[in-house]
């Protein structure tokens, strides 16, 4: 009988309750603040990273999950009798974590030739951030509990992430400017003019989809874009940061417009907040 373990990293922003109830293995990114290093989610909560970002001049940094760390997990799961591991990682263009997971898989089978036909590792590029791959990870764990095959589950996850879009808006550009995601001059000019970019995240890319003037126009624009591009009657999610009020506003407006509530609300952790800032809001959906 197959024994399947679903695993991901903390940039998927899975709620702790979901992780616990479904037995999902989440590998946490490390965050460096000055000369100290912390493990996100266990040593550094979302609220703590938001406070640090708002109070510190220097931007914290986060490191990739290493091949060695993945190797340790693969070894442990093999020893525990798992037959299949489905590992869904952060967008490979935004981190070397995916490549490290693949390298660790290759090294595992080089060292365990006898495991080739009885242990399988599927490493899947999440192609985005936060719930864009957090949602299919949750569904994968549900499917595994139902007894679906690892190959079918991996195929489902790959299909979802290839067709998923996030519209994502930061309420300030200073963090994207500090992290280099937006050139300093452009970010400074945007702040002076009160412009707020609506970012499109899909297919391993982040681009500016549109711009609105002032905070009050962010949510109406996200609603319009989501309804224009989302496949009707399919699940959608909400992403937010330090301000749950904007998440409540977007949730209520989309629920009214679409006719049903989101599948989940994802609060961004350190890996996303460091680059986007604490206050953000966005939608996650399967596009036409």
C-alpha atoms as a PDB file:
ATOM      1  CA  UNK A   1       0.000   0.000   0.000  1.00  0.00           C
ATOM      2  CA  UNK A   2       1.485   3.399  -1.003  1.00  0.00           C
ATOM      3  CA  UNK A   3       2.475   5.762   1.786  1.00  0.00           C
ATOM      4  CA  UNK A   4       2.617   9.320   0.472  1.00  0.00           C
ATOM      5  CA  UNK A   5       4.092  12.406   2.159  1.00  0.00           C
ATOM      6  CA  UNK A   6       3.201  15.873   0.865  1.00  0.00           C
ATOM      7  CA  UNK A   7       5.781  18.542   1.636  1.00  0.00           C
ATOM      8  CA  UNK A   8       6.361  22.207   0.821  1.00  0.00           C
ATOM      9  CA  UNK A   9       8.138  25.290   2.168  1.00  0.00           C
ATOM     10  CA  UNK A  10       6.957  28.131   4.365  1.00  0.00           C
ATOM     11  CA  UNK A  11       6.520  30.591   1.471  1.00  0.00           C
ATOM     12  CA  UNK A  12       3.355  28.627   0.645  1.00  0.00           C
ATOM     13  CA  UNK A  13       1.863  30.385   3.700  1.00  0.00           C
ATOM     14  CA  UNK A  14      -0.176  27.368   4.740  1.00  0.00           C
ATOM     15  CA  UNK A  15      -2.252  27.970   7.867  1.00  0.00           C
ATOM     16  CA  UNK A  16      -0.780  26.050  10.803  1.00  0.00           C
ATOM     17  CA  UNK A  17      -4.062  24.230  11.355  1.00  0.00           C
ATOM     18  CA  UNK A  18      -4.073  22.943   7.769  1.00  0.00           C
ATOM     19  CA  UNK A  19      -0.475  21.768   8.090  1.00  0.00           C
ATOM     20  CA  UNK A  20      -1.265  19.903  11.313  1.00  0.00           C
ATOM     21  CA  UNK A  21      -4.608  18.374  10.324  1.00  0.00           C
ATOM     22  CA  UNK A  22      -3.382  17.066   6.973  1.00  0.00           C
ATOM     23  CA  UNK A  23       0.112  16.039   8.080  1.00  0.00           C
ATOM     24  CA  UNK A  24       1.861  18.277   5.538  1.00  0.00           C
ATOM     25  CA  UNK A  25       5.597  18.650   6.069  1.00  0.00           C
ATOM     26  CA  UNK A  26       6.562  22.336   5.849  1.00  0.00           C
ATOM     27  CA  UNK A  27      10.220  23.343   5.643  1.00  0.00           C
ATOM     28  CA  UNK A  28      10.765  26.826   7.051  1.00  0.00           C
ATOM     29  CA  UNK A  29      12.983  29.483   5.534  1.00  0.00           C
ATOM     30  CA  UNK A  30      15.619  31.079   7.739  1.00  0.00           C
ATOM     31  CA  UNK A  31      15.595  34.850   8.198  1.00  0.00           C
ATOM     32  CA  UNK A  32      18.692  36.914   8.973  1.00  0.00           C
ATOM     33  CA  UNK A  33      18.238  40.110  10.995  1.00  0.00           C
ATOM     34  CA  UNK A  34      21.553  41.808  11.575  1.00  0.00           C
ATOM     35  CA  UNK A  35      23.994  39.135  12.720  1.00  0.00           C
ATOM     36  CA  UNK A  36      21.292  36.767  14.022  1.00  0.00           C
ATOM     37  CA  UNK A  37      19.407  34.059  12.158  1.00  0.00           C
ATOM     38  CA  UNK A  38      15.868  32.897  12.944  1.00  0.00           C
ATOM     39  CA  UNK A  39      13.652  30.098  11.636  1.00  0.00           C
ATOM     40  CA  UNK A  40      10.477  31.611  10.228  1.00  0.00           C
ATOM     41  CA  UNK A  41       7.173  30.520  11.763  1.00  0.00           C
ATOM     42  CA  UNK A  42       8.822  28.753  14.728  1.00  0.00           C
ATOM     43  CA  UNK A  43      11.208  31.429  16.044  1.00  0.00           C
ATOM     44  CA  UNK A  44       9.708  34.390  14.201  1.00  0.00           C
ATOM     45  CA  UNK A  45       5.944  34.845  13.821  1.00  0.00           C
ATOM     46  CA  UNK A  46       4.282  36.796  11.025  1.00  0.00           C
ATOM     47  CA  UNK A  47       3.419  39.592  13.450  1.00  0.00           C
ATOM     48  CA  UNK A  48       7.030  39.818  14.614  1.00  0.00           C
ATOM     49  CA  UNK A  49       8.412  40.108  11.077  1.00  0.00           C
ATOM     50  CA  UNK A  50       5.845  42.827  10.282  1.00  0.00           C
ATOM     51  CA  UNK A  51       6.990  44.804  13.325  1.00  0.00           C
ATOM     52  CA  UNK A  52      10.639  44.380  12.409  1.00  0.00           C
ATOM     53  CA  UNK A  53      10.009  45.533   8.834  1.00  0.00           C
ATOM     54  CA  UNK A  54       8.181  48.644  10.021  1.00  0.00           C
ATOM     55  CA  UNK A  55      10.791  49.576  12.638  1.00  0.00           C
ATOM     56  CA  UNK A  56      14.161  48.672  11.075  1.00  0.00           C
ATOM     57  CA  UNK A  57      16.035  50.599   8.414  1.00  0.00           C
ATOM     58  CA  UNK A  58      17.987  47.570   7.198  1.00  0.00           C
ATOM     59  CA  UNK A  59      15.946  44.949   5.375  1.00  0.00           C
ATOM     60  CA  UNK A  60      16.080  41.408   6.798  1.00  0.00           C
ATOM     61  CA  UNK A  61      17.064  38.677   4.349  1.00  0.00           C
ATOM     62  CA  UNK A  62      15.956  35.084   3.932  1.00  0.00           C
ATOM     63  CA  UNK A  63      18.041  32.185   2.721  1.00  0.00           C
ATOM     64  CA  UNK A  64      17.228  29.300   0.426  1.00  0.00           C
ATOM     65  CA  UNK A  65      16.526  25.826   1.755  1.00  0.00           C
ATOM     66  CA  UNK A  66      19.680  23.848   1.048  1.00  0.00           C
ATOM     67  CA  UNK A  67      20.190  20.524  -0.704  1.00  0.00           C
ATOM     68  CA  UNK A  68      21.569  19.163   2.566  1.00  0.00           C
ATOM     69  CA  UNK A  69      18.351  20.023   4.397  1.00  0.00           C
ATOM     70  CA  UNK A  70      16.286  18.314   1.710  1.00  0.00           C
ATOM     71  CA  UNK A  71      18.584  15.283   1.770  1.00  0.00           C
ATOM     72  CA  UNK A  72      18.029  14.868   5.503  1.00  0.00           C
ATOM     73  CA  UNK A  73      14.256  14.907   5.004  1.00  0.00           C
ATOM     74  CA  UNK A  74      14.324  12.444   2.102  1.00  0.00           C
ATOM     75  CA  UNK A  75      16.505  10.078   4.133  1.00  0.00           C
ATOM     76  CA  UNK A  76      14.153  10.264   7.112  1.00  0.00           C
ATOM     77  CA  UNK A  77      11.008   9.706   5.050  1.00  0.00           C
ATOM     78  CA  UNK A  78      12.564   6.725   3.296  1.00  0.00           C
ATOM     79  CA  UNK A  79      13.542   5.244   6.650  1.00  0.00           C
ATOM     80  CA  UNK A  80       9.987   5.773   7.901  1.00  0.00           C
ATOM     81  CA  UNK A  81       8.591   3.644   5.094  1.00  0.00           C
ATOM     82  CA  UNK A  82       7.173   6.255   2.750  1.00  0.00           C
ATOM     83  CA  UNK A  83       6.875   5.144  -0.857  1.00  0.00           C
ATOM     84  CA  UNK A  84       6.304   8.575  -2.412  1.00  0.00           C
ATOM     85  CA  UNK A  85       7.249  12.156  -1.602  1.00  0.00           C
ATOM     86  CA  UNK A  86       5.615  15.079  -3.410  1.00  0.00           C
ATOM     87  CA  UNK A  87       7.641  18.212  -2.720  1.00  0.00           C
ATOM     88  CA  UNK A  88       6.176  21.504  -4.003  1.00  0.00           C
ATOM     89  CA  UNK A  89       8.532  24.469  -3.722  1.00  0.00           C
ATOM     90  CA  UNK A  90       8.594  28.221  -4.109  1.00  0.00           C
ATOM     91  CA  UNK A  91       8.916  29.594  -7.663  1.00  0.00           C
ATOM     92  CA  UNK A  92      12.292  28.464  -9.007  1.00  0.00           C
ATOM     93  CA  UNK A  93      13.034  31.886 -10.547  1.00  0.00           C
ATOM     94  CA  UNK A  94      12.710  33.543  -7.133  1.00  0.00           C
ATOM     95  CA  UNK A  95      14.832  31.086  -5.148  1.00  0.00           C
ATOM     96  CA  UNK A  96      17.341  28.274  -5.621  1.00  0.00           C
ATOM     97  CA  UNK A  97      15.229  26.136  -3.297  1.00  0.00           C
ATOM     98  CA  UNK A  98      13.642  24.173  -6.171  1.00  0.00           C
ATOM     99  CA  UNK A  99      17.042  23.398  -7.711  1.00  0.00           C
ATOM    100  CA  UNK A 100      18.331  22.283  -4.318  1.00  0.00           C
ATOM    101  CA  UNK A 101      15.352  19.956  -3.874  1.00  0.00           C
ATOM    102  CA  UNK A 102      16.050  18.414  -7.290  1.00  0.00           C
ATOM    103  CA  UNK A 103      19.761  18.060  -6.520  1.00  0.00           C
ATOM    104  CA  UNK A 104      19.010  16.349  -3.201  1.00  0.00           C
ATOM    105  CA  UNK A 105      16.656  13.930  -4.960  1.00  0.00           C
ATOM    106  CA  UNK A 106      19.306  13.041  -7.521  1.00  0.00           C
ATOM    107  CA  UNK A 107      21.910  12.526  -4.812  1.00  0.00           C
ATOM    108  CA  UNK A 108      19.530  10.364  -2.789  1.00  0.00           C
ATOM    109  CA  UNK A 109      19.103   7.859  -5.612  1.00  0.00           C
ATOM    110  CA  UNK A 110      22.827   7.870  -6.364  1.00  0.00           C
ATOM    111  CA  UNK A 111      23.399   6.775  -2.784  1.00  0.00           C
ATOM    112  CA  UNK A 112      20.391   4.423  -2.590  1.00  0.00           C
ATOM    113  CA  UNK A 113      20.269   2.493  -5.840  1.00  0.00           C
ATOM    114  CA  UNK A 114      18.066  -0.111  -4.128  1.00  0.00           C
ATOM    115  CA  UNK A 115      15.348   2.520  -3.558  1.00  0.00           C
ATOM    116  CA  UNK A 116      14.764   3.190  -7.248  1.00  0.00           C
ATOM    117  CA  UNK A 117      11.663   1.025  -7.664  1.00  0.00           C
ATOM    118  CA  UNK A 118      10.193   1.420  -4.188  1.00  0.00           C
ATOM    119  CA  UNK A 119      10.660   5.109  -3.365  1.00  0.00           C
ATOM    120  CA  UNK A 120       9.711   8.039  -5.595  1.00  0.00           C
ATOM    121  CA  UNK A 121      10.368  11.759  -5.182  1.00  0.00           C
ATOM    122  CA  UNK A 122       8.336  14.261  -7.190  1.00  0.00           C
ATOM    123  CA  UNK A 123       9.789  17.783  -7.034  1.00  0.00           C
ATOM    124  CA  UNK A 124       7.357  20.345  -8.422  1.00  0.00           C
ATOM    125  CA  UNK A 125       8.090  24.006  -9.102  1.00  0.00           C
ATOM    126  CA  UNK A 126       5.252  26.004  -7.468  1.00  0.00           C
ATOM    127  CA  UNK A 127       5.707  28.650 -10.216  1.00  0.00           C
ATOM    128  CA  UNK A 128       4.530  31.395  -7.852  1.00  0.00           C
ATOM    129  CA  UNK A 129       4.251  32.339  -4.218  1.00  0.00           C
ATOM    130  CA  UNK A 130       1.971  31.936  -1.198  1.00  0.00           C
ATOM    131  CA  UNK A 131      -1.404  30.248  -1.831  1.00  0.00           C
ATOM    132  CA  UNK A 132      -0.722  29.910  -5.559  1.00  0.00           C
ATOM    133  CA  UNK A 133       0.955  26.652  -4.592  1.00  0.00           C
ATOM    134  CA  UNK A 134      -0.296  26.446  -1.002  1.00  0.00           C
ATOM    135  CA  UNK A 135      -3.786  25.597  -2.264  1.00  0.00           C
ATOM    136  CA  UNK A 136      -2.784  22.631  -4.476  1.00  0.00           C
ATOM    137  CA  UNK A 137      -0.520  21.383  -1.677  1.00  0.00           C
ATOM    138  CA  UNK A 138      -3.567  21.263   0.600  1.00  0.00           C
ATOM    139  CA  UNK A 139      -5.604  19.493  -2.070  1.00  0.00           C
ATOM    140  CA  UNK A 140      -2.736  17.063  -2.670  1.00  0.00           C
ATOM    141  CA  UNK A 141      -2.757  16.071   0.996  1.00  0.00           C
ATOM    142  CA  UNK A 142      -6.522  15.538   0.869  1.00  0.00           C
ATOM    143  CA  UNK A 143      -6.162  13.413  -2.256  1.00  0.00           C
ATOM    144  CA  UNK A 144      -3.414  11.343  -0.608  1.00  0.00           C
ATOM    145  CA  UNK A 145      -5.701  10.629   2.337  1.00  0.00           C
ATOM    146  CA  UNK A 146      -8.374   9.487  -0.111  1.00  0.00           C
ATOM    147  CA  UNK A 147      -5.964   6.954  -1.572  1.00  0.00           C
ATOM    148  CA  UNK A 148      -5.238   8.577  -4.932  1.00  0.00           C
ATOM    149  CA  UNK A 149      -1.943   7.645  -6.572  1.00  0.00           C
ATOM    150  CA  UNK A 150       1.145   9.812  -6.191  1.00  0.00           C
ATOM    151  CA  UNK A 151       1.455  10.174  -9.982  1.00  0.00           C
ATOM    152  CA  UNK A 152      -2.126  11.443 -10.283  1.00  0.00           C
ATOM    153  CA  UNK A 153      -1.639  13.853  -7.368  1.00  0.00           C
ATOM    154  CA  UNK A 154       1.588  15.240  -8.845  1.00  0.00           C
ATOM    155  CA  UNK A 155      -0.150  15.709 -12.199  1.00  0.00           C
ATOM    156  CA  UNK A 156      -2.964  17.635 -10.488  1.00  0.00           C
ATOM    157  CA  UNK A 157      -0.508  19.958  -8.690  1.00  0.00           C
ATOM    158  CA  UNK A 158       1.478  20.649 -11.860  1.00  0.00           C
ATOM    159  CA  UNK A 159      -1.697  21.463 -13.774  1.00  0.00           C
ATOM    160  CA  UNK A 160      -2.955  23.843 -11.077  1.00  0.00           C
ATOM    161  CA  UNK A 161       0.258  25.872 -10.737  1.00  0.00           C
ATOM    162  CA  UNK A 162       0.550  26.212 -14.522  1.00  0.00           C
ATOM    163  CA  UNK A 163      -2.877  27.855 -14.671  1.00  0.00           C
ATOM    164  CA  UNK A 164      -2.829  29.911 -11.471  1.00  0.00           C
ATOM    165  CA  UNK A 165      -2.655  33.719 -11.310  1.00  0.00           C
ATOM    166  CA  UNK A 166      -2.210  36.077  -8.376  1.00  0.00           C
ATOM    167  CA  UNK A 167      -3.139  39.753  -8.494  1.00  0.00           C
ATOM    168  CA  UNK A 168      -1.179  41.273  -5.652  1.00  0.00           C
ATOM    169  CA  UNK A 169      -0.900  44.860  -4.422  1.00  0.00           C
ATOM    170  CA  UNK A 170       1.580  46.288  -1.898  1.00  0.00           C
ATOM    171  CA  UNK A 171       0.389  49.425  -0.113  1.00  0.00           C
ATOM    172  CA  UNK A 172       3.875  50.921  -0.221  1.00  0.00           C
ATOM    173  CA  UNK A 173       6.783  50.502  -2.632  1.00  0.00           C
ATOM    174  CA  UNK A 174       9.599  51.115  -0.158  1.00  0.00           C
ATOM    175  CA  UNK A 175      10.176  47.416   0.587  1.00  0.00           C
ATOM    176  CA  UNK A 176      10.198  46.424  -3.077  1.00  0.00           C
ATOM    177  CA  UNK A 177      12.651  49.274  -3.631  1.00  0.00           C
ATOM    178  CA  UNK A 178      14.920  48.110  -0.805  1.00  0.00           C
ATOM    179  CA  UNK A 179      14.858  44.509  -1.995  1.00  0.00           C
ATOM    180  CA  UNK A 180      15.549  45.513  -5.601  1.00  0.00           C
ATOM    181  CA  UNK A 181      12.242  44.177  -6.949  1.00  0.00           C
ATOM    182  CA  UNK A 182      11.444  47.665  -8.276  1.00  0.00           C
ATOM    183  CA  UNK A 183      14.166  50.182  -9.309  1.00  0.00           C
ATOM    184  CA  UNK A 184      14.647  52.880  -6.662  1.00  0.00           C
ATOM    185  CA  UNK A 185      13.847  55.805  -8.964  1.00  0.00           C
ATOM    186  CA  UNK A 186      10.622  54.218 -10.214  1.00  0.00           C
ATOM    187  CA  UNK A 187       9.506  53.305  -6.706  1.00  0.00           C
ATOM    188  CA  UNK A 188      10.268  56.801  -5.380  1.00  0.00           C
ATOM    189  CA  UNK A 189       8.365  58.453  -8.251  1.00  0.00           C
ATOM    190  CA  UNK A 190       5.433  56.102  -7.738  1.00  0.00           C
ATOM    191  CA  UNK A 191       5.239  56.950  -4.029  1.00  0.00           C
ATOM    192  CA  UNK A 192       5.288  60.694  -4.766  1.00  0.00           C
ATOM    193  CA  UNK A 193       2.421  60.338  -7.244  1.00  0.00           C
ATOM    194  CA  UNK A 194       0.407  58.052  -4.972  1.00  0.00           C
ATOM    195  CA  UNK A 195       0.517  55.230  -7.500  1.00  0.00           C
ATOM    196  CA  UNK A 196      -0.098  51.643  -6.387  1.00  0.00           C
ATOM    197  CA  UNK A 197       0.953  48.823  -8.732  1.00  0.00           C
ATOM    198  CA  UNK A 198      -1.251  45.769  -9.162  1.00  0.00           C
ATOM    199  CA  UNK A 199       1.229  42.954  -9.686  1.00  0.00           C
ATOM    200  CA  UNK A 200       0.502  39.872 -11.771  1.00  0.00           C
ATOM    201  CA  UNK A 201       2.249  36.679 -10.621  1.00  0.00           C
ATOM    202  CA  UNK A 202       2.072  33.668 -12.934  1.00  0.00           C
ATOM    203  CA  UNK A 203       4.322  31.364 -14.972  1.00  0.00           C
ATOM    204  CA  UNK A 204       7.363  32.094 -12.757  1.00  0.00           C
ATOM    205  CA  UNK A 205       7.118  35.811 -13.511  1.00  0.00           C
ATOM    206  CA  UNK A 206       6.152  38.953 -11.594  1.00  0.00           C
ATOM    207  CA  UNK A 207       5.017  41.910 -13.677  1.00  0.00           C
ATOM    208  CA  UNK A 208       3.119  45.159 -13.190  1.00  0.00           C
ATOM    209  CA  UNK A 209      -0.333  44.501 -14.610  1.00  0.00           C
ATOM    210  CA  UNK A 210      -1.797  47.968 -13.954  1.00  0.00           C
ATOM    211  CA  UNK A 211      -1.531  50.963 -11.648  1.00  0.00           C
ATOM    212  CA  UNK A 212      -4.131  52.805  -9.611  1.00  0.00           C
ATOM    213  CA  UNK A 213      -3.973  56.108  -7.816  1.00  0.00           C
ATOM    214  CA  UNK A 214      -4.429  55.857  -4.069  1.00  0.00           C
ATOM    215  CA  UNK A 215      -5.178  53.030  -1.668  1.00  0.00           C
ATOM    216  CA  UNK A 216      -8.950  53.221  -2.101  1.00  0.00           C
ATOM    217  CA  UNK A 217      -8.716  52.031  -5.712  1.00  0.00           C
ATOM    218  CA  UNK A 218      -6.655  48.900  -5.029  1.00  0.00           C
ATOM    219  CA  UNK A 219      -9.458  46.515  -4.077  1.00  0.00           C
ATOM    220  CA  UNK A 220     -11.890  47.599  -6.841  1.00  0.00           C
ATOM    221  CA  UNK A 221      -9.131  47.010  -9.409  1.00  0.00           C
ATOM    222  CA  UNK A 222      -8.282  43.563  -8.019  1.00  0.00           C
ATOM    223  CA  UNK A 223     -11.982  42.623  -8.091  1.00  0.00           C
ATOM    224  CA  UNK A 224     -12.318  43.722 -11.725  1.00  0.00           C
ATOM    225  CA  UNK A 225      -9.184  41.899 -12.861  1.00  0.00           C
ATOM    226  CA  UNK A 226     -10.091  38.731 -10.965  1.00  0.00           C
ATOM    227  CA  UNK A 227     -13.628  38.560 -12.347  1.00  0.00           C
ATOM    228  CA  UNK A 228     -12.373  39.245 -15.882  1.00  0.00           C
ATOM    229  CA  UNK A 229      -9.829  36.420 -15.851  1.00  0.00           C
ATOM    230  CA  UNK A 230     -11.045  33.773 -13.412  1.00  0.00           C
ATOM    231  CA  UNK A 231     -12.752  30.620 -14.681  1.00  0.00           C
ATOM    232  CA  UNK A 232     -16.348  30.860 -13.395  1.00  0.00           C
ATOM    233  CA  UNK A 233     -17.398  28.512 -10.596  1.00  0.00           C
ATOM    234  CA  UNK A 234     -13.815  27.597  -9.665  1.00  0.00           C
ATOM    235  CA  UNK A 235     -12.092  28.079  -6.275  1.00  0.00           C
ATOM    236  CA  UNK A 236     -10.308  31.330  -5.462  1.00  0.00           C
ATOM    237  CA  UNK A 237      -8.301  32.570  -2.487  1.00  0.00           C
ATOM    238  CA  UNK A 238      -7.285  35.752  -0.685  1.00  0.00           C
ATOM    239  CA  UNK A 239      -3.766  36.810   0.271  1.00  0.00           C
ATOM    240  CA  UNK A 240      -3.013  39.528   2.818  1.00  0.00           C
ATOM    241  CA  UNK A 241      -0.455  40.691   5.352  1.00  0.00           C
ATOM    242  CA  UNK A 242      -0.503  42.795   8.488  1.00  0.00           C
ATOM    243  CA  UNK A 243      -3.916  44.388   7.902  1.00  0.00           C
ATOM    244  CA  UNK A 244      -6.754  41.872   8.120  1.00  0.00           C
ATOM    245  CA  UNK A 245      -9.272  44.664   7.443  1.00  0.00           C
ATOM    246  CA  UNK A 246      -8.288  44.839   3.767  1.00  0.00           C
ATOM    247  CA  UNK A 247      -8.581  41.054   3.570  1.00  0.00           C
ATOM    248  CA  UNK A 248     -12.066  41.291   5.076  1.00  0.00           C
ATOM    249  CA  UNK A 249     -13.016  43.972   2.568  1.00  0.00           C
ATOM    250  CA  UNK A 250     -11.768  41.998  -0.430  1.00  0.00           C
ATOM    251  CA  UNK A 251     -13.322  38.774   0.888  1.00  0.00           C
ATOM    252  CA  UNK A 252     -16.737  40.392   1.306  1.00  0.00           C
ATOM    253  CA  UNK A 253     -16.625  42.123  -2.073  1.00  0.00           C
ATOM    254  CA  UNK A 254     -15.516  39.033  -4.026  1.00  0.00           C
ATOM    255  CA  UNK A 255     -17.985  36.797  -2.198  1.00  0.00           C
ATOM    256  CA  UNK A 256     -20.798  39.156  -3.209  1.00  0.00           C
ATOM    257  CA  UNK A 257     -19.536  39.531  -6.790  1.00  0.00           C
ATOM    258  CA  UNK A 258     -18.717  35.861  -7.462  1.00  0.00           C
ATOM    259  CA  UNK A 259     -21.433  34.306  -5.337  1.00  0.00           C
ATOM    260  CA  UNK A 260     -19.380  32.137  -2.973  1.00  0.00           C
ATOM    261  CA  UNK A 261     -16.542  32.654  -0.452  1.00  0.00           C
ATOM    262  CA  UNK A 262     -12.808  32.017  -0.982  1.00  0.00           C
ATOM    263  CA  UNK A 263     -11.333  28.573  -0.328  1.00  0.00           C
ATOM    264  CA  UNK A 264      -8.716  30.054   2.026  1.00  0.00           C
ATOM    265  CA  UNK A 265      -7.065  33.254   3.230  1.00  0.00           C
ATOM    266  CA  UNK A 266      -3.261  33.215   3.222  1.00  0.00           C
ATOM    267  CA  UNK A 267      -1.366  35.567   5.508  1.00  0.00           C
ATOM    268  CA  UNK A 268       2.089  36.190   4.087  1.00  0.00           C
ATOM    269  CA  UNK A 269       5.096  35.165   6.129  1.00  0.00           C
ATOM    270  CA  UNK A 270       8.671  36.402   6.182  1.00  0.00           C
ATOM    271  CA  UNK A 271       9.709  35.102   2.743  1.00  0.00           C
ATOM    272  CA  UNK A 272       7.090  37.242   0.988  1.00  0.00           C
ATOM    273  CA  UNK A 273       6.819  40.176   3.408  1.00  0.00           C
ATOM    274  CA  UNK A 274      10.534  40.989   3.220  1.00  0.00           C
ATOM    275  CA  UNK A 275      10.154  41.772  -0.491  1.00  0.00           C
ATOM    276  CA  UNK A 276       6.601  43.143  -0.634  1.00  0.00           C
ATOM    277  CA  UNK A 277       6.164  44.786   2.740  1.00  0.00           C
ATOM    278  CA  UNK A 278       3.774  43.967   5.586  1.00  0.00           C
ATOM    279  CA  UNK A 279       0.574  45.483   4.181  1.00  0.00           C
ATOM    280  CA  UNK A 280      -0.596  43.752   1.013  1.00  0.00           C
ATOM    281  CA  UNK A 281      -3.774  42.308  -0.429  1.00  0.00           C
ATOM    282  CA  UNK A 282      -4.515  40.103  -3.415  1.00  0.00           C
ATOM    283  CA  UNK A 283      -6.474  37.316  -5.062  1.00  0.00           C
ATOM    284  CA  UNK A 284      -5.481  33.819  -6.170  1.00  0.00           C
ATOM    285  CA  UNK A 285      -7.414  31.948  -8.849  1.00  0.00           C
ATOM    286  CA  UNK A 286      -7.363  29.639 -11.859  1.00  0.00           C
ATOM    287  CA  UNK A 287      -7.335  31.743 -15.000  1.00  0.00           C
ATOM    288  CA  UNK A 288      -9.209  31.249 -18.252  1.00  0.00           C
END
